[in-house]
């Protein structure tokens, strides 16, 4: 008899187009990391967020992002490296029409008072996404670009 109870997960390694949003910031890498590397602090550079609630600390912690329009996103921190100034996370739940999503944030020093901050995203739309996959990718790119431009503006 086939046993339907076996280890499984909805979180998977995603394949597909990588959305990359990179900005150069006139600040030292560690100052920028304090903003973009704060898993609970994304409302600082994403104005659409009303709040961000954390459960736990460090790897495996979960954040619940509440958007001003009523949407909810819950994500888990997968990895974090304070020396390399990078972290990754995955989507667990959302009210938005997004299937799975993986993301990474990193900061790289370009000098004493200059760095680059990069947000990488691989995502797939859910069956409820109203338009094409290309428009989904454009949505992700626009969202990331707006956020990263806000990061740059915080240090001007």
Protein backbone atom coordinates (compact mmCIF):
# COMPACT_ATOMS: atom_id res chain seq x y z
CA UNK A 1 0.00 0.00 0.00
CA UNK A 2 1.27 3.47 -0.93
CA UNK A 3 1.81 5.62 2.19
CA UNK A 4 0.72 9.27 1.58
CA UNK A 5 2.50 10.37 4.75
CA UNK A 6 6.09 11.08 3.85
CA UNK A 7 8.44 14.03 4.43
CA UNK A 8 7.52 16.92 2.18
CA UNK A 9 7.56 20.71 1.96
CA UNK A 10 6.08 23.43 -0.21
CA UNK A 11 9.37 25.33 -0.04
CA UNK A 12 11.63 24.26 -2.88
CA UNK A 13 14.73 25.32 -4.72
CA UNK A 14 13.40 27.59 -7.42
CA UNK A 15 14.63 27.67 -10.98
CA UNK A 16 13.87 30.50 -13.33
CA UNK A 17 14.69 34.11 -14.03
CA UNK A 18 16.67 35.91 -11.36
CA UNK A 19 15.49 39.42 -10.53
CA UNK A 20 18.44 41.57 -9.47
CA UNK A 21 18.20 45.08 -8.07
CA UNK A 22 21.54 46.67 -7.24
CA UNK A 23 22.27 50.19 -6.07
CA UNK A 24 25.46 51.98 -5.18
CA UNK A 25 25.22 53.81 -1.87
CA UNK A 26 27.38 56.66 -0.59
CA UNK A 27 27.99 55.05 2.80
CA UNK A 28 30.14 52.37 4.36
CA UNK A 29 28.99 48.78 3.89
CA UNK A 30 28.27 48.11 7.57
CA UNK A 31 25.98 51.17 7.87
CA UNK A 32 23.98 50.00 4.85
CA UNK A 33 23.91 46.42 6.19
CA UNK A 34 22.35 47.72 9.42
CA UNK A 35 19.37 48.77 7.26
CA UNK A 36 19.03 46.08 4.55
CA UNK A 37 20.39 43.29 6.73
CA UNK A 38 17.82 43.90 9.45
CA UNK A 39 15.32 41.12 8.66
CA UNK A 40 12.69 42.87 10.81
CA UNK A 41 13.52 46.34 9.52
CA UNK A 42 12.28 46.31 5.93
CA UNK A 43 9.62 49.00 6.66
CA UNK A 44 12.58 51.43 6.80
CA UNK A 45 12.91 51.24 3.01
CA UNK A 46 9.59 49.76 1.84
CA UNK A 47 6.94 52.44 2.48
CA UNK A 48 4.10 50.04 1.54
CA UNK A 49 4.78 48.07 4.75
CA UNK A 50 2.74 49.00 7.80
CA UNK A 51 4.76 46.77 10.13
CA UNK A 52 6.97 43.72 10.45
CA UNK A 53 6.56 41.26 13.34
CA UNK A 54 9.34 38.81 14.22
CA UNK A 55 9.13 35.37 15.78
CA UNK A 56 12.49 34.05 16.93
CA UNK A 57 16.00 35.26 16.25
CA UNK A 58 18.58 34.38 13.63
CA UNK A 59 18.34 31.54 11.12
CA UNK A 60 14.87 29.90 11.12
CA UNK A 61 13.25 33.03 12.53
CA UNK A 62 10.04 34.09 10.84
CA UNK A 63 8.80 37.55 9.94
CA UNK A 64 5.24 38.59 9.23
CA UNK A 65 5.10 41.62 6.96
CA UNK A 66 1.82 43.52 7.09
CA UNK A 67 1.23 45.81 4.13
CA UNK A 68 -0.80 49.02 4.34
CA UNK A 69 -3.21 47.61 1.71
CA UNK A 70 -4.02 44.63 3.99
CA UNK A 71 -1.81 42.01 2.33
CA UNK A 72 0.31 39.71 4.46
CA UNK A 73 3.63 37.99 3.74
CA UNK A 74 5.31 35.45 6.05
CA UNK A 75 8.94 34.53 5.38
CA UNK A 76 11.65 32.44 7.04
CA UNK A 77 15.29 33.48 7.34
CA UNK A 78 17.37 30.66 5.83
CA UNK A 79 20.91 31.94 6.16
CA UNK A 80 22.77 34.95 7.49
CA UNK A 81 26.47 35.83 7.38
CA UNK A 82 27.53 38.93 9.32
CA UNK A 83 31.07 38.74 7.92
CA UNK A 84 30.00 38.48 4.27
CA UNK A 85 27.04 40.85 4.83
CA UNK A 86 24.45 38.60 3.20
CA UNK A 87 21.26 36.70 4.03
CA UNK A 88 18.65 34.57 2.28
CA UNK A 89 14.97 33.88 2.99
CA UNK A 90 11.97 32.05 1.56
CA UNK A 91 8.27 32.70 1.39
CA UNK A 92 6.07 30.59 3.66
CA UNK A 93 2.68 32.29 3.19
CA UNK A 94 1.21 35.27 1.39
CA UNK A 95 -2.18 36.72 0.55
CA UNK A 96 -0.65 38.02 -2.69
CA UNK A 97 -0.86 35.87 -5.85
CA UNK A 98 2.70 34.60 -5.45
CA UNK A 99 3.55 30.89 -5.48
CA UNK A 100 7.05 30.32 -4.18
CA UNK A 101 9.76 32.89 -3.66
CA UNK A 102 13.40 32.90 -2.61
CA UNK A 103 15.36 36.08 -1.97
CA UNK A 104 18.80 37.24 -0.93
CA UNK A 105 20.20 40.56 0.26
CA UNK A 106 23.88 41.42 0.22
CA UNK A 107 26.13 44.42 0.69
CA UNK A 108 29.62 44.79 -0.75
CA UNK A 109 32.14 47.47 0.16
CA UNK A 110 33.43 49.51 -2.78
CA UNK A 111 35.59 51.76 -0.62
CA UNK A 112 35.52 53.38 2.81
CA UNK A 113 32.36 55.37 2.15
CA UNK A 114 30.88 53.57 -0.85
CA UNK A 115 29.16 50.22 -1.23
CA UNK A 116 26.66 48.32 -3.32
CA UNK A 117 23.50 46.72 -1.97
CA UNK A 118 21.90 43.94 -4.00
CA UNK A 119 18.50 42.25 -3.67
CA UNK A 120 18.13 39.02 -5.63
CA UNK A 121 14.76 37.30 -6.07
CA UNK A 122 13.59 34.14 -7.77
CA UNK A 123 9.83 33.80 -7.70
CA UNK A 124 6.92 32.21 -9.43
CA UNK A 125 3.35 33.44 -9.66
CA UNK A 126 0.51 31.46 -8.14
CA UNK A 127 -2.33 30.18 -10.30
CA UNK A 128 -4.26 33.31 -9.22
CA UNK A 129 -1.72 35.73 -10.76
CA UNK A 130 -3.90 37.79 -13.13
CA UNK A 131 -1.40 38.41 -15.94
CA UNK A 132 1.56 36.82 -17.71
CA UNK A 133 4.72 35.45 -16.14
CA UNK A 134 6.66 38.28 -17.80
CA UNK A 135 4.43 40.80 -16.01
CA UNK A 136 5.03 38.93 -12.74
CA UNK A 137 8.79 39.29 -13.25
CA UNK A 138 8.28 43.00 -14.02
CA UNK A 139 6.25 43.35 -10.79
CA UNK A 140 9.08 41.77 -8.74
CA UNK A 141 11.69 43.93 -10.50
CA UNK A 142 9.72 47.12 -9.93
CA UNK A 143 9.10 46.31 -6.27
CA UNK A 144 12.79 45.54 -5.64
CA UNK A 145 13.99 48.57 -7.61
CA UNK A 146 11.71 50.93 -5.67
CA UNK A 147 12.91 49.50 -2.35
CA UNK A 148 16.58 49.64 -3.26
CA UNK A 149 16.28 53.20 -4.57
CA UNK A 150 14.80 54.07 -1.17
CA UNK A 151 17.87 52.52 0.47
CA UNK A 152 20.15 54.72 -1.63
CA UNK A 153 18.04 57.79 -0.78
CA UNK A 154 18.33 57.07 2.97
CA UNK A 155 22.06 57.81 2.73
CA UNK A 156 21.94 60.94 0.55
